[in-house]
Amino acid sequence: SSLTKIREACGLHYPDKRRDRSNIAAEFPWVQLPEDFAAVDPYWRPDARETLPQLKGRIVAFFQWLASNVQEELLGIVSHGVWIESCLMHF
């Protein structure tokens, strides 16, 4: 989903682990999660940190998705420090 493409770099550190879909839906019932939003965090691993090339791959995939799916002329993108820093370094 587009939401997983703009998340912080993940792995090893528990604060980077996304909550399960059911937990998010229960706490924020007014938020409509995309159908392809995985039930459990597909990226976080307790034994490995996402590499910079892997993160950059998600950044590129997000902008490809954005270019083909969003028609708005003005758009705000909200993410985390490592993602934004990597994005600015890449572009």
PDB file of N, CA and C in Angstrom:
ATOM      1  N   SER A   1       0.836  -1.188   0.000  1.00  0.00           N
ATOM      2  CA  SER A   1       0.000   0.000   0.000  1.00  0.00           C
ATOM      3  C   SER A   1       0.876   1.245   0.000  1.00  0.00           C
ATOM      4  N   SER A   2       0.319   2.360  -0.420  1.00  0.00           N
ATOM      5  CA  SER A   2       1.076   3.612  -0.435  1.00  0.00           C
ATOM      6  C   SER A   2       1.502   4.010   0.975  1.00  0.00           C
ATOM      7  N   LEU A   3       0.714   3.636   1.980  1.00  0.00           N
ATOM      8  CA  LEU A   3       1.067   3.987   3.362  1.00  0.00           C
ATOM      9  C   LEU A   3       2.352   3.314   3.821  1.00  0.00           C
ATOM     10  N   THR A   4       2.581   2.082   3.401  1.00  0.00           N
ATOM     11  CA  THR A   4       3.797   1.390   3.820  1.00  0.00           C
ATOM     12  C   THR A   4       5.032   1.922   3.110  1.00  0.00           C
ATOM     13  N   LYS A   5       4.837   2.589   1.994  1.00  0.00           N
ATOM     14  CA  LYS A   5       5.972   3.123   1.250  1.00  0.00           C
ATOM     15  C   LYS A   5       6.543   4.401   1.879  1.00  0.00           C
ATOM     16  N   ILE A   6       5.765   5.103   2.697  1.00  0.00           N
ATOM     17  CA  ILE A   6       6.259   6.354   3.289  1.00  0.00           C
ATOM     18  C   ILE A   6       6.589   6.220   4.772  1.00  0.00           C
ATOM     19  N   ARG A   7       6.624   5.016   5.271  1.00  0.00           N
ATOM     20  CA  ARG A   7       6.918   4.829   6.684  1.00  0.00           C
ATOM     21  C   ARG A   7       8.415   4.917   6.951  1.00  0.00           C
ATOM     22  N   GLU A   8       8.752   5.080   8.203  1.00  0.00           N
ATOM     23  CA  GLU A   8      10.141   5.168   8.646  1.00  0.00           C
ATOM     24  C   GLU A   8      10.906   3.906   8.294  1.00  0.00           C
ATOM     25  N   ALA A   9      12.222   4.019   8.196  1.00  0.00           N
ATOM     26  CA  ALA A   9      13.058   2.826   8.041  1.00  0.00           C
ATOM     27  C   ALA A   9      12.753   1.901   9.213  1.00  0.00           C
ATOM     28  N   CYS A  10      12.788   0.612   8.990  1.00  0.00           N
ATOM     29  CA  CYS A  10      12.327  -0.280  10.051  1.00  0.00           C
ATOM     30  C   CYS A  10      13.210  -1.498  10.229  1.00  0.00           C
ATOM     31  N   GLY A  11      13.011  -2.150  11.357  1.00  0.00           N
ATOM     32  CA  GLY A  11      13.740  -3.351  11.726  1.00  0.00           C
ATOM     33  C   GLY A  11      14.594  -3.105  12.952  1.00  0.00           C
ATOM     34  N   LEU A  12      14.783  -4.136  13.721  1.00  0.00           N
ATOM     35  CA  LEU A  12      15.583  -4.144  14.948  1.00  0.00           C
ATOM     36  C   LEU A  12      14.971  -3.347  16.098  1.00  0.00           C
ATOM     37  N   HIS A  13      14.561  -2.130  15.861  1.00  0.00           N
ATOM     38  CA  HIS A  13      14.069  -1.255  16.930  1.00  0.00           C
ATOM     39  C   HIS A  13      12.546  -1.370  17.045  1.00  0.00           C
ATOM     40  N   TYR A  14      12.077  -1.762  18.219  1.00  0.00           N
ATOM     41  CA  TYR A  14      10.637  -1.972  18.395  1.00  0.00           C
ATOM     42  C   TYR A  14       9.783  -0.722  18.144  1.00  0.00           C
ATOM     43  N   PRO A  15      10.270   0.493  18.422  1.00  0.00           N
ATOM     44  CA  PRO A  15       9.435   1.661  18.093  1.00  0.00           C
ATOM     45  C   PRO A  15       9.131   1.793  16.596  1.00  0.00           C
ATOM     46  N   ASP A  16       9.937   1.154  15.745  1.00  0.00           N
ATOM     47  CA  ASP A  16       9.708   1.204  14.302  1.00  0.00           C
ATOM     48  C   ASP A  16       8.674   0.194  13.836  1.00  0.00           C
ATOM     49  N   LYS A  17       8.266  -0.710  14.717  1.00  0.00           N
ATOM     50  CA  LYS A  17       7.313  -1.753  14.326  1.00  0.00           C
ATOM     51  C   LYS A  17       5.910  -1.172  14.275  1.00  0.00           C
ATOM     52  N   ARG A  18       5.246  -1.392  13.151  1.00  0.00           N
ATOM     53  CA  ARG A  18       3.871  -0.924  12.987  1.00  0.00           C
ATOM     54  C   ARG A  18       2.920  -1.825  13.767  1.00  0.00           C
ATOM     55  N   ARG A  19       1.876  -1.231  14.298  1.00  0.00           N
ATOM     56  CA  ARG A  19       0.866  -2.042  14.985  1.00  0.00           C
ATOM     57  C   ARG A  19       0.074  -2.851  13.968  1.00  0.00           C
ATOM     58  N   ASP A  20      -0.550  -3.926  14.441  1.00  0.00           N
ATOM     59  CA  ASP A  20      -1.380  -4.755  13.568  1.00  0.00           C
ATOM     60  C   ASP A  20      -2.576  -3.954  13.066  1.00  0.00           C
ATOM     61  N   ARG A  21      -3.028  -4.307  11.880  1.00  0.00           N
ATOM     62  CA  ARG A  21      -4.171  -3.631  11.262  1.00  0.00           C
ATOM     63  C   ARG A  21      -5.378  -3.602  12.201  1.00  0.00           C
ATOM     64  N   SER A  22      -5.671  -4.723  12.857  1.00  0.00           N
ATOM     65  CA  SER A  22      -6.843  -4.797  13.739  1.00  0.00           C
ATOM     66  C   SER A  22      -6.722  -3.828  14.906  1.00  0.00           C
ATOM     67  N   ASN A  23      -5.518  -3.643  15.424  1.00  0.00           N
ATOM     68  CA  ASN A  23      -5.290  -2.708  16.526  1.00  0.00           C
ATOM     69  C   ASN A  23      -5.500  -1.271  16.065  1.00  0.00           C
ATOM     70  N   ILE A  24      -4.985  -0.945  14.892  1.00  0.00           N
ATOM     71  CA  ILE A  24      -5.145   0.409  14.341  1.00  0.00           C
ATOM     72  C   ILE A  24      -6.624   0.688  14.074  1.00  0.00           C
ATOM     73  N   ALA A  25      -7.309  -0.283  13.465  1.00  0.00           N
ATOM     74  CA  ALA A  25      -8.729  -0.107  13.140  1.00  0.00           C
ATOM     75  C   ALA A  25      -9.576   0.055  14.399  1.00  0.00           C
ATOM     76  N   ALA A  26      -9.236  -0.654  15.455  1.00  0.00           N
ATOM     77  CA  ALA A  26      -9.997  -0.550  16.700  1.00  0.00           C
ATOM     78  C   ALA A  26      -9.788   0.813  17.362  1.00  0.00           C
ATOM     79  N   GLU A  27      -8.567   1.319  17.330  1.00  0.00           N
ATOM     80  CA  GLU A  27      -8.285   2.594  17.988  1.00  0.00           C
ATOM     81  C   GLU A  27      -8.710   3.797  17.144  1.00  0.00           C
ATOM     82  N   PHE A  28      -8.693   3.649  15.839  1.00  0.00           N
ATOM     83  CA  PHE A  28      -9.039   4.747  14.933  1.00  0.00           C
ATOM     84  C   PHE A  28     -10.113   4.294  13.944  1.00  0.00           C
ATOM     85  N   PRO A  29     -11.323   4.032  14.422  1.00  0.00           N
ATOM     86  CA  PRO A  29     -12.360   3.470  13.549  1.00  0.00           C
ATOM     87  C   PRO A  29     -12.788   4.402  12.411  1.00  0.00           C
ATOM     88  N   TRP A  30     -12.523   5.683  12.506  1.00  0.00           N
ATOM     89  CA  TRP A  30     -12.906   6.645  11.469  1.00  0.00           C
ATOM     90  C   TRP A  30     -11.903   6.668  10.306  1.00  0.00           C
ATOM     91  N   VAL A  31     -10.757   6.010  10.465  1.00  0.00           N
ATOM     92  CA  VAL A  31      -9.744   5.975   9.411  1.00  0.00           C
ATOM     93  C   VAL A  31     -10.005   4.792   8.497  1.00  0.00           C
ATOM     94  N   GLN A  32     -10.072   5.052   7.207  1.00  0.00           N
ATOM     95  CA  GLN A  32     -10.282   3.999   6.229  1.00  0.00           C
ATOM     96  C   GLN A  32      -8.916   3.538   5.707  1.00  0.00           C
ATOM     97  N   LEU A  33      -8.491   2.370   6.154  1.00  0.00           N
ATOM     98  CA  LEU A  33      -7.212   1.825   5.709  1.00  0.00           C
ATOM     99  C   LEU A  33      -7.384   1.205   4.321  1.00  0.00           C
ATOM    100  N   PRO A  34      -6.360   1.307   3.477  1.00  0.00           N
ATOM    101  CA  PRO A  34      -6.454   0.687   2.150  1.00  0.00           C
ATOM    102  C   PRO A  34      -6.657  -0.823   2.273  1.00  0.00           C
ATOM    103  N   GLU A  35      -7.314  -1.410   1.291  1.00  0.00           N
ATOM    104  CA  GLU A  35      -7.565  -2.849   1.314  1.00  0.00           C
ATOM    105  C   GLU A  35      -6.274  -3.653   1.330  1.00  0.00           C
ATOM    106  N   ASP A  36      -5.217  -3.124   0.708  1.00  0.00           N
ATOM    107  CA  ASP A  36      -3.955  -3.864   0.669  1.00  0.00           C
ATOM    108  C   ASP A  36      -3.038  -3.565   1.865  1.00  0.00           C
ATOM    109  N   PHE A  37      -3.574  -2.913   2.899  1.00  0.00           N
ATOM    110  CA  PHE A  37      -2.814  -2.643   4.124  1.00  0.00           C
ATOM    111  C   PHE A  37      -2.714  -3.954   4.898  1.00  0.00           C
ATOM    112  N   ALA A  38      -1.530  -4.508   5.009  1.00  0.00           N
ATOM    113  CA  ALA A  38      -1.321  -5.847   5.569  1.00  0.00           C
ATOM    114  C   ALA A  38      -1.789  -5.952   7.025  1.00  0.00           C
ATOM    115  N   ALA A  39      -2.244  -7.138   7.387  1.00  0.00           N
ATOM    116  CA  ALA A  39      -2.735  -7.397   8.750  1.00  0.00           C
ATOM    117  C   ALA A  39      -1.614  -7.240   9.777  1.00  0.00           C
ATOM    118  N   VAL A  40      -0.421  -7.673   9.422  1.00  0.00           N
ATOM    119  CA  VAL A  40       0.751  -7.509  10.298  1.00  0.00           C
ATOM    120  C   VAL A  40       1.831  -6.781   9.511  1.00  0.00           C
ATOM    121  N   ASP A  41       2.753  -6.200  10.213  1.00  0.00           N
ATOM    122  CA  ASP A  41       3.825  -5.417   9.601  1.00  0.00           C
ATOM    123  C   ASP A  41       4.687  -6.303   8.691  1.00  0.00           C
ATOM    124  N   PRO A  42       4.666  -6.057   7.378  1.00  0.00           N
ATOM    125  CA  PRO A  42       5.431  -6.908   6.469  1.00  0.00           C
ATOM    126  C   PRO A  42       6.917  -6.562   6.379  1.00  0.00           C
ATOM    127  N   TYR A  43       7.322  -5.416   6.908  1.00  0.00           N
ATOM    128  CA  TYR A  43       8.701  -4.966   6.767  1.00  0.00           C
ATOM    129  C   TYR A  43       9.551  -5.142   8.018  1.00  0.00           C
ATOM    130  N   TRP A  44       8.951  -5.018   9.180  1.00  0.00           N
ATOM    131  CA  TRP A  44       9.736  -5.039  10.414  1.00  0.00           C
ATOM    132  C   TRP A  44      10.231  -6.439  10.721  1.00  0.00           C
ATOM    133  N   ARG A  45      11.522  -6.531  11.071  1.00  0.00           N
ATOM    134  CA  ARG A  45      12.120  -7.807  11.485  1.00  0.00           C
ATOM    135  C   ARG A  45      12.910  -7.578  12.765  1.00  0.00           C
ATOM    136  N   PRO A  46      12.863  -8.518  13.690  1.00  0.00           N
ATOM    137  CA  PRO A  46      13.597  -8.343  14.946  1.00  0.00           C
ATOM    138  C   PRO A  46      15.100  -8.538  14.791  1.00  0.00           C
ATOM    139  N   ASP A  47      15.532  -9.126  13.659  1.00  0.00           N
ATOM    140  CA  ASP A  47      16.941  -9.481  13.504  1.00  0.00           C
ATOM    141  C   ASP A  47      17.680  -8.696  12.416  1.00  0.00           C
ATOM    142  N   ALA A  48      17.014  -7.779  11.742  1.00  0.00           N
ATOM    143  CA  ALA A  48      17.674  -7.039  10.664  1.00  0.00           C
ATOM    144  C   ALA A  48      17.031  -5.678  10.479  1.00  0.00           C
ATOM    145  N   ARG A  49      17.854  -4.690  10.187  1.00  0.00           N
ATOM    146  CA  ARG A  49      17.399  -3.339   9.908  1.00  0.00           C
ATOM    147  C   ARG A  49      17.310  -3.170   8.399  1.00  0.00           C
ATOM    148  N   GLU A  50      16.297  -2.464   7.948  1.00  0.00           N
ATOM    149  CA  GLU A  50      16.157  -2.155   6.526  1.00  0.00           C
ATOM    150  C   GLU A  50      17.394  -1.384   6.062  1.00  0.00           C
ATOM    151  N   THR A  51      17.925  -1.750   4.908  1.00  0.00           N
ATOM    152  CA  THR A  51      19.107  -1.071   4.388  1.00  0.00           C
ATOM    153  C   THR A  51      18.699   0.217   3.664  1.00  0.00           C
ATOM    154  N   LEU A  52      19.653   1.095   3.456  1.00  0.00           N
ATOM    155  CA  LEU A  52      19.377   2.336   2.734  1.00  0.00           C
ATOM    156  C   LEU A  52      18.892   2.056   1.306  1.00  0.00           C
ATOM    157  N   PRO A  53      19.494   1.109   0.566  1.00  0.00           N
ATOM    158  CA  PRO A  53      18.943   0.795  -0.766  1.00  0.00           C
ATOM    159  C   PRO A  53      17.502   0.277  -0.710  1.00  0.00           C
ATOM    160  N   GLN A  54      17.155  -0.495   0.302  1.00  0.00           N
ATOM    161  CA  GLN A  54      15.774  -0.969   0.441  1.00  0.00           C
ATOM    162  C   GLN A  54      14.832   0.206   0.698  1.00  0.00           C
ATOM    163  N   LEU A  55      15.241   1.117   1.573  1.00  0.00           N
ATOM    164  CA  LEU A  55      14.434   2.304   1.866  1.00  0.00           C
ATOM    165  C   LEU A  55      14.272   3.151   0.612  1.00  0.00           C
ATOM    166  N   LYS A  56      15.349   3.365  -0.112  1.00  0.00           N
ATOM    167  CA  LYS A  56      15.273   4.152  -1.351  1.00  0.00           C
ATOM    168  C   LYS A  56      14.344   3.488  -2.359  1.00  0.00           C
ATOM    169  N   GLY A  57      14.320   2.156  -2.385  1.00  0.00           N
ATOM    170  CA  GLY A  57      13.396   1.442  -3.265  1.00  0.00           C
ATOM    171  C   GLY A  57      11.950   1.755  -2.918  1.00  0.00           C
ATOM    172  N   ARG A  58      11.641   1.839  -1.617  1.00  0.00           N
ATOM    173  CA  ARG A  58      10.280   2.205  -1.205  1.00  0.00           C
ATOM    174  C   ARG A  58       9.967   3.639  -1.568  1.00  0.00           C
ATOM    175  N   ILE A  59      10.954   4.524  -1.449  1.00  0.00           N
ATOM    176  CA  ILE A  59      10.742   5.937  -1.796  1.00  0.00           C
ATOM    177  C   ILE A  59      10.408   6.065  -3.285  1.00  0.00           C
ATOM    178  N   VAL A  60      11.186   5.416  -4.130  1.00  0.00           N
ATOM    179  CA  VAL A  60      10.938   5.454  -5.570  1.00  0.00           C
ATOM    180  C   VAL A  60       9.567   4.857  -5.888  1.00  0.00           C
ATOM    181  N   ALA A  61       9.235   3.734  -5.249  1.00  0.00           N
ATOM    182  CA  ALA A  61       7.932   3.096  -5.475  1.00  0.00           C
ATOM    183  C   ALA A  61       6.794   4.028  -5.058  1.00  0.00           C
ATOM    184  N   PHE A  62       6.979   4.773  -3.962  1.00  0.00           N
ATOM    185  CA  PHE A  62       5.939   5.719  -3.538  1.00  0.00           C
ATOM    186  C   PHE A  62       5.724   6.800  -4.585  1.00  0.00           C
ATOM    187  N   PHE A  63       6.803   7.393  -5.087  1.00  0.00           N
ATOM    188  CA  PHE A  63       6.645   8.470  -6.069  1.00  0.00           C
ATOM    189  C   PHE A  63       6.106   7.956  -7.402  1.00  0.00           C
ATOM    190  N   GLN A  64       6.417   6.717  -7.761  1.00  0.00           N
ATOM    191  CA  GLN A  64       5.810   6.123  -8.950  1.00  0.00           C
ATOM    192  C   GLN A  64       4.313   5.944  -8.738  1.00  0.00           C
ATOM    193  N   TRP A  65       3.933   5.447  -7.549  1.00  0.00           N
ATOM    194  CA  TRP A  65       2.512   5.303  -7.222  1.00  0.00           C
ATOM    195  C   TRP A  65       1.826   6.667  -7.243  1.00  0.00           C
ATOM    196  N   LEU A  66       2.469   7.661  -6.625  1.00  0.00           N
ATOM    197  CA  LEU A  66       1.901   9.008  -6.548  1.00  0.00           C
ATOM    198  C   LEU A  66       1.668   9.582  -7.939  1.00  0.00           C
ATOM    199  N   ALA A  67       2.646   9.451  -8.821  1.00  0.00           N
ATOM    200  CA  ALA A  67       2.542  10.008 -10.167  1.00  0.00           C
ATOM    201  C   ALA A  67       1.413   9.371 -10.979  1.00  0.00           C
ATOM    202  N   SER A  68       1.099   8.125 -10.705  1.00  0.00           N
ATOM    203  CA  SER A  68       0.077   7.455 -11.502  1.00  0.00           C
ATOM    204  C   SER A  68      -1.303   7.396 -10.833  1.00  0.00           C
ATOM    205  N   ASN A  69      -1.409   7.838  -9.564  1.00  0.00           N
ATOM    206  CA  ASN A  69      -2.680   7.691  -8.853  1.00  0.00           C
ATOM    207  C   ASN A  69      -3.273   8.962  -8.273  1.00  0.00           C
ATOM    208  N   VAL A  70      -2.504  10.018  -8.183  1.00  0.00           N
ATOM    209  CA  VAL A  70      -2.985  11.229  -7.512  1.00  0.00           C
ATOM    210  C   VAL A  70      -3.088  12.365  -8.519  1.00  0.00           C
ATOM    211  N   GLN A  71      -4.252  13.008  -8.553  1.00  0.00           N
ATOM    212  CA  GLN A  71      -4.506  14.074  -9.518  1.00  0.00           C
ATOM    213  C   GLN A  71      -4.420  15.479  -8.915  1.00  0.00           C
ATOM    214  N   GLU A  72      -4.376  15.586  -7.608  1.00  0.00           N
ATOM    215  CA  GLU A  72      -4.379  16.892  -6.950  1.00  0.00           C
ATOM    216  C   GLU A  72      -3.149  17.711  -7.356  1.00  0.00           C
ATOM    217  N   GLU A  73      -3.337  19.026  -7.420  1.00  0.00           N
ATOM    218  CA  GLU A  73      -2.218  19.912  -7.743  1.00  0.00           C
ATOM    219  C   GLU A  73      -1.401  20.255  -6.507  1.00  0.00           C
ATOM    220  N   LEU A  74      -2.023  20.247  -5.352  1.00  0.00           N
ATOM    221  CA  LEU A  74      -1.351  20.571  -4.105  1.00  0.00           C
ATOM    222  C   LEU A  74      -1.499  19.394  -3.161  1.00  0.00           C
ATOM    223  N   LEU A  75      -0.399  18.924  -2.642  1.00  0.00           N
ATOM    224  CA  LEU A  75      -0.419  17.708  -1.842  1.00  0.00           C
ATOM    225  C   LEU A  75       0.624  17.811  -0.741  1.00  0.00           C
ATOM    226  N   GLY A  76       0.294  17.364   0.457  1.00  0.00           N
ATOM    227  CA  GLY A  76       1.249  17.300   1.554  1.00  0.00           C
ATOM    228  C   GLY A  76       1.612  15.854   1.813  1.00  0.00           C
ATOM    229  N   ILE A  77       2.891  15.598   2.046  1.00  0.00           N
ATOM    230  CA  ILE A  77       3.363  14.251   2.365  1.00  0.00           C
ATOM    231  C   ILE A  77       3.943  14.291   3.770  1.00  0.00           C
ATOM    232  N   VAL A  78       3.435  13.432   4.633  1.00  0.00           N
ATOM    233  CA  VAL A  78       3.895  13.378   6.020  1.00  0.00           C
ATOM    234  C   VAL A  78       4.568  12.042   6.252  1.00  0.00           C
ATOM    235  N   SER A  79       5.771  12.063   6.778  1.00  0.00           N
ATOM    236  CA  SER A  79       6.491  10.834   7.075  1.00  0.00           C
ATOM    237  C   SER A  79       7.400  11.079   8.271  1.00  0.00           C
ATOM    238  N   HIS A  80       8.517  10.351   8.331  1.00  0.00           N
ATOM    239  CA  HIS A  80       9.450  10.446   9.446  1.00  0.00           C
ATOM    240  C   HIS A  80      10.811  10.917   8.953  1.00  0.00           C
ATOM    241  N   GLY A  81      11.661  11.270   9.914  1.00  0.00           N
ATOM    242  CA  GLY A  81      12.952  11.876   9.611  1.00  0.00           C
ATOM    243  C   GLY A  81      13.838  11.104   8.662  1.00  0.00           C
ATOM    244  N   VAL A  82      14.054   9.807   8.915  1.00  0.00           N
ATOM    245  CA  VAL A  82      14.950   9.032   8.059  1.00  0.00           C
ATOM    246  C   VAL A  82      14.387   8.929   6.646  1.00  0.00           C
ATOM    247  N   TRP A  83      13.077   8.728   6.523  1.00  0.00           N
ATOM    248  CA  TRP A  83      12.455   8.631   5.203  1.00  0.00           C
ATOM    249  C   TRP A  83      12.624   9.947   4.448  1.00  0.00           C
ATOM    250  N   ILE A  84      12.316  11.050   5.103  1.00  0.00           N
ATOM    251  CA  ILE A  84      12.402  12.361   4.445  1.00  0.00           C
ATOM    252  C   ILE A  84      13.853  12.691   4.093  1.00  0.00           C
ATOM    253  N   GLU A  85      14.768  12.437   5.013  1.00  0.00           N
ATOM    254  CA  GLU A  85      16.184  12.680   4.738  1.00  0.00           C
ATOM    255  C   GLU A  85      16.674  11.854   3.544  1.00  0.00           C
ATOM    256  N   SER A  86      16.305  10.582   3.512  1.00  0.00           N
ATOM    257  CA  SER A  86      16.697   9.709   2.400  1.00  0.00           C
ATOM    258  C   SER A  86      16.069  10.173   1.094  1.00  0.00           C
ATOM    259  N   CYS A  87      14.832  10.620   1.168  1.00  0.00           N
ATOM    260  CA  CYS A  87      14.137  11.131  -0.008  1.00  0.00           C
ATOM    261  C   CYS A  87      14.860  12.357  -0.574  1.00  0.00           C
ATOM    262  N   LEU A  88      15.203  13.284   0.296  1.00  0.00           N
ATOM    263  CA  LEU A  88      15.889  14.492  -0.154  1.00  0.00           C
ATOM    264  C   LEU A  88      17.277  14.183  -0.708  1.00  0.00           C
ATOM    265  N   MET A  89      17.967  13.209  -0.122  1.00  0.00           N
ATOM    266  CA  MET A  89      19.288  12.820  -0.628  1.00  0.00           C
ATOM    267  C   MET A  89      19.162  12.137  -2.001  1.00  0.00           C
ATOM    268  N   HIS A  90      18.085  11.389  -2.192  1.00  0.00           N
ATOM    269  CA  HIS A  90      17.906  10.649  -3.443  1.00  0.00           C
ATOM    270  C   HIS A  90      17.517  11.567  -4.598  1.00  0.00           C
ATOM    271  N   PHE A  91      16.653  12.555  -4.291  1.00  0.00           N
ATOM    272  CA  PHE A  91      16.173  13.435  -5.338  1.00  0.00           C
ATOM    273  C   PHE A  91      16.875  14.760  -5.260  1.00  0.00           C
TER     274      PHE A  91
END
